[in-house]
Protein backbone atom coordinates (compact mmCIF):
# COMPACT_ATOMS: atom_id res chain seq x y z
CA MET A 1 38.08 3.72 10.57
CA LYS A 2 38.57 3.65 6.85
CA LYS A 3 37.95 -0.01 6.61
CA VAL A 4 34.52 -0.02 8.32
CA MET A 5 33.42 2.91 6.12
CA PHE A 6 34.65 0.84 3.18
CA SER A 7 32.33 -1.99 4.37
CA LEU A 8 29.40 -0.26 4.82
CA LEU A 9 30.14 1.70 1.24
CA CYS A 10 30.37 -1.87 -0.26
CA ALA A 11 27.23 -3.00 1.36
CA THR A 12 25.05 -0.11 0.30
CA SER A 13 26.52 -0.85 -3.39
CA MET A 14 25.38 -4.45 -3.10
CA VAL A 15 21.81 -3.49 -1.59
CA MET A 16 21.33 -0.52 -4.09
CA ALA A 17 22.43 -3.11 -7.31
CA ALA A 18 19.80 -5.43 -5.80
CA ALA A 19 17.33 -2.87 -5.98
CA ASN A 20 18.18 -1.80 -8.92
CA VAL A 21 17.97 -5.70 -10.30
CA GLN A 22 14.24 -5.96 -8.52
CA ALA A 23 13.42 -3.21 -10.09
CA ALA A 24 13.82 -4.14 -13.74
CA GLU A 25 12.31 -7.64 -13.19
CA ALA A 26 9.44 -5.69 -11.97
CA LYS A 27 9.62 -3.07 -14.63
CA GLU A 28 9.02 -0.24 -12.46
CA VAL A 29 11.05 1.80 -10.36
CA LEU A 30 11.61 1.26 -6.89
CA PRO A 31 13.14 3.23 -3.93
CA PRO A 32 16.57 2.76 -3.05
CA PRO A 33 16.77 1.24 0.68
CA VAL A 34 17.23 3.32 3.75
CA ALA A 35 20.48 4.22 4.73
CA GLY A 36 21.56 1.96 7.90
CA ASP A 37 18.87 -0.20 7.06
CA GLU A 38 20.07 -3.71 8.74
CA MET A 39 18.82 -5.74 5.73
CA ARG A 40 16.18 -7.36 7.43
CA PRO A 41 12.72 -8.02 6.03
CA MET A 42 9.98 -5.75 6.78
CA PRO A 43 8.27 -6.51 9.98
CA GLN A 44 4.72 -7.01 9.86
CA LYS A 45 2.96 -4.46 11.83
CA HIS A 46 0.23 -6.00 12.92
CA LYS A 47 -1.95 -9.21 12.95
CA PHE A 48 -4.89 -8.52 10.15
CA ASP A 49 -8.29 -9.51 11.66
CA ARG A 50 -10.48 -9.83 8.35
CA LYS A 51 -13.58 -10.10 10.75
CA ASN A 52 -13.13 -6.95 12.73
CA PHE A 53 -11.72 -5.16 9.51
CA GLU A 54 -15.15 -6.05 7.77
CA ASP A 55 -16.92 -4.70 10.42
CA LYS A 56 -15.62 -1.40 10.71
CA MET A 57 -15.62 -1.16 6.97
CA LYS A 58 -19.24 -1.93 7.25
CA LYS A 59 -20.16 0.78 9.80
CA HIS A 60 -18.40 3.21 7.97
CA GLU A 61 -20.22 2.69 4.82
CA GLU A 62 -23.28 2.64 6.75
CA ARG A 63 -22.32 6.21 8.50
CA LEU A 64 -21.21 7.49 5.31
CA ALA A 65 -24.67 6.43 3.35
CA LYS A 66 -26.62 8.20 6.62
CA GLU A 67 -24.44 11.11 6.29
CA LEU A 68 -24.76 11.90 2.71
CA ASN A 69 -28.60 10.42 2.73
CA LEU A 70 -27.90 8.11 -0.21
CA THR A 71 -31.14 6.45 -1.73
CA GLU A 72 -31.24 2.35 -1.64
CA GLU A 73 -30.15 2.45 -5.34
CA GLN A 74 -26.90 4.68 -4.53
CA GLN A 75 -26.00 2.61 -1.87
CA LYS A 76 -26.01 -0.55 -3.89
CA LYS A 77 -24.23 1.25 -6.92
CA ALA A 78 -21.51 2.25 -4.44
CA GLU A 79 -21.05 -1.15 -3.26
CA GLU A 80 -20.93 -2.63 -6.49
CA ILE A 81 -18.10 0.13 -7.01
CA ARG A 82 -16.39 -0.80 -4.11
CA GLN A 83 -16.50 -4.78 -4.85
CA GLN A 84 -14.79 -3.94 -8.30
CA GLY A 85 -12.41 -1.95 -6.71
CA ARG A 86 -11.38 -5.02 -4.34
CA ASP A 87 -11.15 -7.28 -7.32
CA ALA A 88 -9.14 -4.94 -9.12
CA MET A 89 -6.45 -4.48 -6.46
CA GLU A 90 -6.63 -8.30 -5.11
CA PRO A 91 -3.52 -9.58 -7.70
CA LEU A 92 -1.77 -6.21 -7.36
CA MET A 93 -1.95 -6.74 -3.35
CA LYS A 94 -0.82 -10.39 -4.11
CA GLN A 95 2.05 -8.90 -6.66
CA MET A 96 3.10 -6.79 -3.67
CA LYS A 97 3.23 -9.25 -1.31
CA GLU A 98 5.44 -11.53 -3.80
CA THR A 99 7.73 -8.58 -4.30
CA ARG A 100 8.11 -7.76 -0.65
CA GLU A 101 9.50 -11.37 -0.20
CA LYS A 102 11.81 -11.36 -3.49
CA MET A 103 13.16 -8.25 -1.86
CA ASP A 104 13.93 -9.83 1.58
CA LYS A 105 15.14 -12.70 0.09
CA LEU A 106 17.62 -10.74 -1.59
CA ARG A 107 18.49 -8.68 1.26
CA ARG A 108 19.27 -11.95 3.26
CA GLN A 109 21.25 -12.90 0.45
CA ASN A 110 23.41 -9.61 0.13
CA MET A 111 24.16 -9.17 3.60
CA GLU A 112 25.26 -13.05 3.94
CA GLU A 113 27.59 -12.33 0.86
CA PHE A 114 28.71 -9.11 2.47
CA GLU A 115 29.64 -10.84 5.74
CA GLU A 116 31.47 -13.71 3.93
CA ILE A 117 34.23 -11.20 2.82
CA LEU A 118 34.62 -9.43 6.25
CA THR A 119 37.61 -10.73 8.36
CA PRO A 120 36.92 -11.78 11.77
CA GLU A 121 37.38 -8.46 13.49
CA GLN A 122 35.62 -6.73 10.80
CA LYS A 123 32.90 -9.16 11.75
CA ALA A 124 32.99 -7.99 15.22
CA GLN A 125 32.80 -4.53 14.40
CA PHE A 126 30.20 -5.13 11.74
CA GLU A 127 28.07 -6.62 14.56
CA LYS A 128 28.75 -3.92 16.89
CA ILE A 129 27.52 -1.25 13.97
CA LYS A 130 24.23 -3.40 13.90
CA ALA A 131 23.71 -3.43 17.69
CA ASP A 132 24.16 0.18 17.94
CA ARG A 133 21.69 1.04 15.15
CA LYS A 134 19.05 -1.38 16.68
CA ALA A 135 19.51 0.15 19.89
CA LYS A 136 18.99 3.64 18.72
CA PHE A 137 15.88 2.57 16.66
CA ALA A 138 14.69 0.88 19.51
CA LYS A 139 15.20 4.16 21.54
CA LYS A 140 13.74 6.12 18.82
CA PHE A 141 10.55 4.09 18.53
CA GLY A 142 10.20 2.16 21.72
CA GLN A 143 10.99 -0.89 23.31
CA LYS A 144 7.32 -1.99 21.99
CA HIS A 145 8.57 -2.01 18.34
CA ASP A 146 11.70 -4.06 19.42
CA LYS A 147 9.75 -6.71 21.08
CA LYS A 148 7.78 -7.25 17.79
CA MET A 149 10.80 -7.15 15.56
CA LYS A 150 12.77 -9.65 17.81
CA LYS A 151 9.36 -12.06 17.40
CA HIS A 152 9.55 -11.04 13.34
CA MET A 153 13.19 -12.12 13.01
CA ARG A 154 12.81 -15.34 14.87
CA LYS A 155 10.14 -16.27 12.41
CA ALA A 156 12.36 -15.29 9.64
CA GLU A 157 15.41 -17.01 11.11
CA GLU A 158 13.09 -20.30 11.55
CA LYS A 159 11.62 -19.60 7.63
CA LYS A 160 15.11 -19.49 6.30
CA ASP A 161 16.43 -22.44 8.21
């Protein structure tokens, strides 16, 4: 039991060190990894449908303009403001995506390095721990999320190879 706890402590330390390196590179403070995280890439929550999103936003803007009784001039100004905001956020969104990808890569590398130091018995125990946590997560968040996670993990493995 002490070996397992020590192994988990080492893994957690490695993850925290990677997060600190990433934070230093990005020159911003990133939150520490969640305890018990299986060091996998974050799942994509849903497929983004730009057309549907734009339609919803347009309806929202029209409804808001009507509720506030905005003049044509105010509506044009509001659209300019929204467009400026989108333009300003675009590079930040790209940076966030790149940062997430770097973090995912570091997590995978750290986990691979950690698993390399384990004995076959420890690897078996570690796989059991991961399976237990995955089952607990699936129970808490439901099977729907688990299916999405499996699909996401397959895609991540394909990219890695």
